[in-house]
Structures are given as C-alpha cells and as structure tokens.
Amino acid sequence: MPKRKIELVNEQVYHVYNRGIRKERIFGLPRDYERFLVKVGEYKKKYGIQVIAWALIPNHFHMLVRAVGNEVRTPNQIISFFLKLQQSHAMYFKNQYEKIGPVFQGRFNAKPVDDEDYLIKLLHYVHGQPSHHKICSDWDWPYSSLSHYLSSSPDSDLLHLDDYRKGFEKFEGIVDSGLDLEFEI
C-alpha cells in the first residue's frame, strides 16, 4: 500500500473511520458490535490508545482516538491498533457469515483534530451517526459512546473521558435541541 499522506503521531487526537467494502455491512447482529468493542478494549491497552468517542453503524465505524505514553510500544501505535482491530474483525466476520474476500474498503482513514472547536463538532458528528443514517435516535443507539457522555456518572473502561468531558458540556446543549449534521467534516 502507498505511504500515508500524513504521519500519525502520539498525543494527537485523530478522527478515524472506515466502512465495509462496497458499503456492505461490517456488523450484522448485536454480538458483532459487542465483540468489536471487546477487541477495542483489549487492543487499546496493548497499544496505548485512548478512545475518546465512537459510533458503530451497520456498514462503518467512527472513532476519536489518541495514542499516549512515553514508551513507544510500536513504531506507530495508532496504525498498529487499527490494523489489529480491523484484521481481527474481518477474520471474525468472514467466519461468522461465510464471507470471502475483503470486509473493509481498504485501510482506515485518519484526520488530525487540531483544535477544541473541531473536536466538539466531531463529537457531535460521531454521536449523530445513528440519526443521520436513519437507524434510530442518537440516544437510543447502544453502539456509540453518547450515553457515557450524557451520564452523570459515566461507567466505561473503554472511554477516556477525563480530558474531554468538560469540553463536551458545550455539546450537551446541542443534544438537548436535537443533533443537526449541517457542517463539513
């Protein structure tokens, strides 16, 4: 594969996303979503990744992540994390659904998040995916991190909310009025 246009570096927040080949499903049943999230939890510890937000949609996923730590675990923690996650999910999905060929539409996409306003817009965008794709209302979708952000006592080993919860307060007013995806990402 050709080299990435941008280098993914530690301590930088990235919006990472990918979808199924030909926009096909990458999640079929609840157990597929749940297994994916278990693997996110497993690999985030191994590769030193903080997960800031996520939404899993039947044919794609979005995540906001950041690689942290003084010791470098691999040459590029984010790339290693997502390669392992996608490989694991693809093998599982092919086995479960007797699928032949690729599951994902190439490698994952990653865009750096350079300022707080953009981060807030991305929190809005990522959590708005279920409504945007007409799956259900945003707060009814169990496969996103929105409920953890809205909870007065978020309970998640998967998410790193400490640094982002305060900025999310700006987002809560948007949630109260309904999510609106009328901006460019």
Protein backbone atom coordinates (compact mmCIF):
# COMPACT_ATOMS: atom_id res chain seq x y z
CA MET A 1 0.00 0.00 0.00
CA PRO A 2 1.18 3.53 -0.63
CA LYS A 3 2.51 5.56 2.28
CA ARG A 4 0.02 7.70 4.23
CA LYS A 5 -0.18 11.36 3.32
CA ILE A 6 0.07 12.33 6.99
CA GLU A 7 2.17 10.74 9.70
CA LEU A 8 0.14 9.62 12.72
CA VAL A 9 1.87 10.80 15.88
CA ASN A 10 1.40 10.24 19.60
CA GLU A 11 -0.53 12.77 21.69
CA GLN A 12 -2.50 13.93 18.65
CA VAL A 13 -6.25 13.28 18.50
CA TYR A 14 -7.48 11.67 15.27
CA HIS A 15 -10.88 11.03 13.74
CA VAL A 16 -10.56 7.50 12.38
CA TYR A 17 -13.15 5.80 10.26
CA ASN A 18 -13.65 3.00 7.77
CA ARG A 19 -16.51 1.19 6.09
CA GLY A 20 -17.34 -2.12 4.55
CA ILE A 21 -16.24 -2.85 1.02
CA ARG A 22 -18.89 -1.69 -1.47
CA LYS A 23 -20.63 -0.12 1.57
CA GLU A 24 -21.60 -3.61 2.76
CA ARG A 25 -22.33 -4.40 6.40
CA ILE A 26 -19.47 -4.97 8.79
CA PHE A 27 -21.84 -5.65 11.70
CA GLY A 28 -24.83 -7.96 11.40
CA LEU A 29 -26.03 -8.96 14.85
CA PRO A 30 -25.59 -7.38 18.30
CA ARG A 31 -22.83 -9.88 19.08
CA ASP A 32 -20.76 -8.45 16.17
CA TYR A 33 -20.86 -4.94 17.65
CA GLU A 34 -20.17 -6.27 21.14
CA ARG A 35 -17.19 -8.33 20.02
CA PHE A 36 -15.75 -5.35 18.15
CA LEU A 37 -15.97 -3.26 21.33
CA VAL A 38 -14.35 -6.01 23.40
CA LYS A 39 -11.45 -6.02 20.93
CA VAL A 40 -11.23 -2.22 21.09
CA GLY A 41 -10.83 -2.53 24.87
CA GLU A 42 -8.25 -5.29 24.54
CA TYR A 43 -6.13 -3.59 21.89
CA LYS A 44 -6.32 -0.09 23.38
CA LYS A 45 -4.45 -1.38 26.43
CA LYS A 46 -1.90 -3.22 24.33
CA TYR A 47 -1.14 -0.24 22.07
CA GLY A 48 -1.59 2.67 24.50
CA ILE A 49 -4.66 4.19 22.84
CA GLN A 50 -7.19 6.49 24.46
CA VAL A 51 -10.64 6.16 22.95
CA ILE A 52 -12.45 9.49 23.17
CA ALA A 53 -15.65 8.67 21.28
CA TRP A 54 -17.04 6.03 18.96
CA ALA A 55 -20.06 5.05 16.91
CA LEU A 56 -20.54 1.72 15.18
CA ILE A 57 -23.00 1.77 12.29
CA PRO A 58 -24.01 -1.37 10.34
CA ASN A 59 -21.62 -0.64 7.45
CA HIS A 60 -18.94 1.58 9.04
CA PHE A 61 -17.37 2.91 12.22
CA HIS A 62 -16.10 6.25 13.53
CA MET A 63 -13.70 6.71 16.43
CA LEU A 64 -11.87 9.60 18.03
CA VAL A 65 -8.59 8.30 19.41
CA ARG A 66 -5.22 9.41 20.72
CA ALA A 67 -2.03 7.41 21.26
CA VAL A 68 -0.37 8.20 24.59
CA GLY A 69 2.61 7.20 26.61
CA ASN A 70 6.28 7.95 26.89
CA GLU A 71 7.38 4.50 25.88
CA VAL A 72 6.80 3.67 22.27
CA ARG A 73 5.14 0.26 22.12
CA THR A 74 5.26 0.00 18.34
CA PRO A 75 6.62 2.34 15.67
CA ASN A 76 3.12 3.72 15.24
CA GLN A 77 0.60 2.87 17.91
CA ILE A 78 -2.50 4.11 16.06
CA ILE A 79 -1.70 2.22 12.87
CA SER A 80 -0.92 -0.96 14.83
CA PHE A 81 -4.13 -0.61 16.86
CA PHE A 82 -6.39 -0.22 13.83
CA LEU A 83 -4.62 -2.83 11.73
CA LYS A 84 -5.04 -5.39 14.51
CA LEU A 85 -8.64 -4.32 15.18
CA GLN A 86 -9.67 -4.49 11.52
CA GLN A 87 -7.83 -7.77 10.90
CA SER A 88 -9.44 -9.35 13.93
CA HIS A 89 -12.91 -8.14 12.99
CA ALA A 90 -12.51 -9.18 9.35
CA MET A 91 -11.46 -12.72 10.31
CA TYR A 92 -14.35 -12.99 12.77
CA PHE A 93 -16.90 -11.54 10.32
CA LYS A 94 -15.80 -13.79 7.44
CA ASN A 95 -16.03 -16.84 9.68
CA GLN A 96 -19.45 -15.89 11.11
CA TYR A 97 -21.04 -15.06 7.77
CA GLU A 98 -19.05 -17.34 5.44
CA LYS A 99 -17.83 -14.29 3.57
CA ILE A 100 -14.98 -14.50 1.06
CA GLY A 101 -12.77 -11.54 0.22
CA PRO A 102 -12.20 -8.22 1.94
CA VAL A 103 -14.51 -6.93 4.65
CA PHE A 104 -13.23 -3.34 4.80
CA GLN A 105 -12.90 -0.85 1.98
CA GLY A 106 -9.12 -0.55 2.24
CA ARG A 107 -7.17 0.91 5.10
CA PHE A 108 -8.72 3.19 7.66
CA ASN A 109 -8.90 6.95 7.20
CA ALA A 110 -7.45 9.28 9.84
CA LYS A 111 -7.80 13.04 10.11
CA PRO A 112 -6.00 15.06 12.80
CA VAL A 113 -8.11 17.07 15.22
CA ASP A 114 -6.24 20.32 15.72
CA ASP A 115 -8.47 22.43 17.96
CA GLU A 116 -11.24 22.20 20.54
CA ASP A 117 -13.97 23.60 18.28
CA TYR A 118 -13.28 20.92 15.69
CA LEU A 119 -13.25 18.28 18.44
CA ILE A 120 -16.69 19.43 19.63
CA LYS A 121 -18.01 19.28 16.05
CA LEU A 122 -16.59 15.78 15.69
CA LEU A 123 -18.18 14.64 18.96
CA HIS A 124 -21.44 15.94 17.51
CA TYR A 125 -20.81 14.27 14.14
CA VAL A 126 -19.73 10.87 15.52
CA HIS A 127 -22.58 10.64 18.01
CA GLY A 128 -25.07 11.83 15.38
CA GLN A 129 -24.37 8.93 13.04
CA PRO A 130 -27.33 6.69 14.05
CA SER A 131 -29.81 9.50 13.38
CA HIS A 132 -28.01 10.68 10.25
CA HIS A 133 -28.26 7.18 8.77
CA LYS A 134 -31.88 6.84 9.94
CA ILE A 135 -31.16 3.85 12.16
CA CYS A 136 -32.70 5.30 15.31
CA SER A 137 -32.42 8.38 17.51
CA ASP A 138 -28.89 9.10 18.67
CA TRP A 139 -29.52 8.38 22.35
CA ASP A 140 -31.31 5.07 21.62
CA TRP A 141 -28.33 3.57 19.76
CA PRO A 142 -26.40 1.22 22.08
CA TYR A 143 -23.29 1.12 19.87
CA SER A 144 -21.97 4.61 20.44
CA SER A 145 -20.33 6.41 23.32
CA LEU A 146 -23.06 9.07 23.57
CA SER A 147 -24.74 7.52 26.63
CA HIS A 148 -21.43 7.67 28.51
CA TYR A 149 -21.07 11.36 27.74
CA LEU A 150 -24.63 12.13 28.83
CA SER A 151 -24.46 10.08 32.03
CA SER A 152 -23.84 11.94 35.26
CA SER A 153 -21.57 9.07 36.28
CA PRO A 154 -20.14 7.58 33.10
CA ASP A 155 -19.16 3.97 33.54
CA SER A 156 -16.81 2.83 30.81
CA ASP A 157 -13.47 1.09 30.75
CA LEU A 158 -13.46 1.72 27.03
CA LEU A 159 -13.58 5.53 27.01
CA HIS A 160 -11.17 8.16 28.20
CA LEU A 161 -13.48 11.00 29.22
CA ASP A 162 -11.36 12.91 31.75
CA ASP A 163 -9.90 15.47 29.37
CA TYR A 164 -12.95 15.71 27.11
CA ARG A 165 -15.96 15.72 29.42
CA LYS A 166 -15.62 19.43 30.22
CA GLY A 167 -15.49 20.37 26.55
CA PHE A 168 -18.50 18.14 25.99
CA GLU A 169 -20.64 20.45 28.13
CA LYS A 170 -20.74 22.71 25.05
CA PHE A 171 -22.09 19.71 23.15
CA GLU A 172 -24.87 18.88 25.61
CA GLY A 173 -26.95 21.89 24.57
CA ILE A 174 -26.84 20.60 21.01
CA VAL A 175 -28.01 17.18 22.15
CA ASP A 176 -30.92 18.73 24.05
CA SER A 177 -32.09 20.51 20.91
CA GLY A 178 -31.53 17.52 18.65
CA LEU A 179 -28.46 16.73 16.61
CA ASP A 180 -28.01 18.51 13.32
CA LEU A 181 -25.27 17.42 10.96
CA GLU A 182 -25.21 20.54 8.79
CA PHE A 183 -21.46 21.11 8.76
CA GLU A 184 -18.46 19.79 6.88
CA ILE A 185 -16.04 17.34 8.45
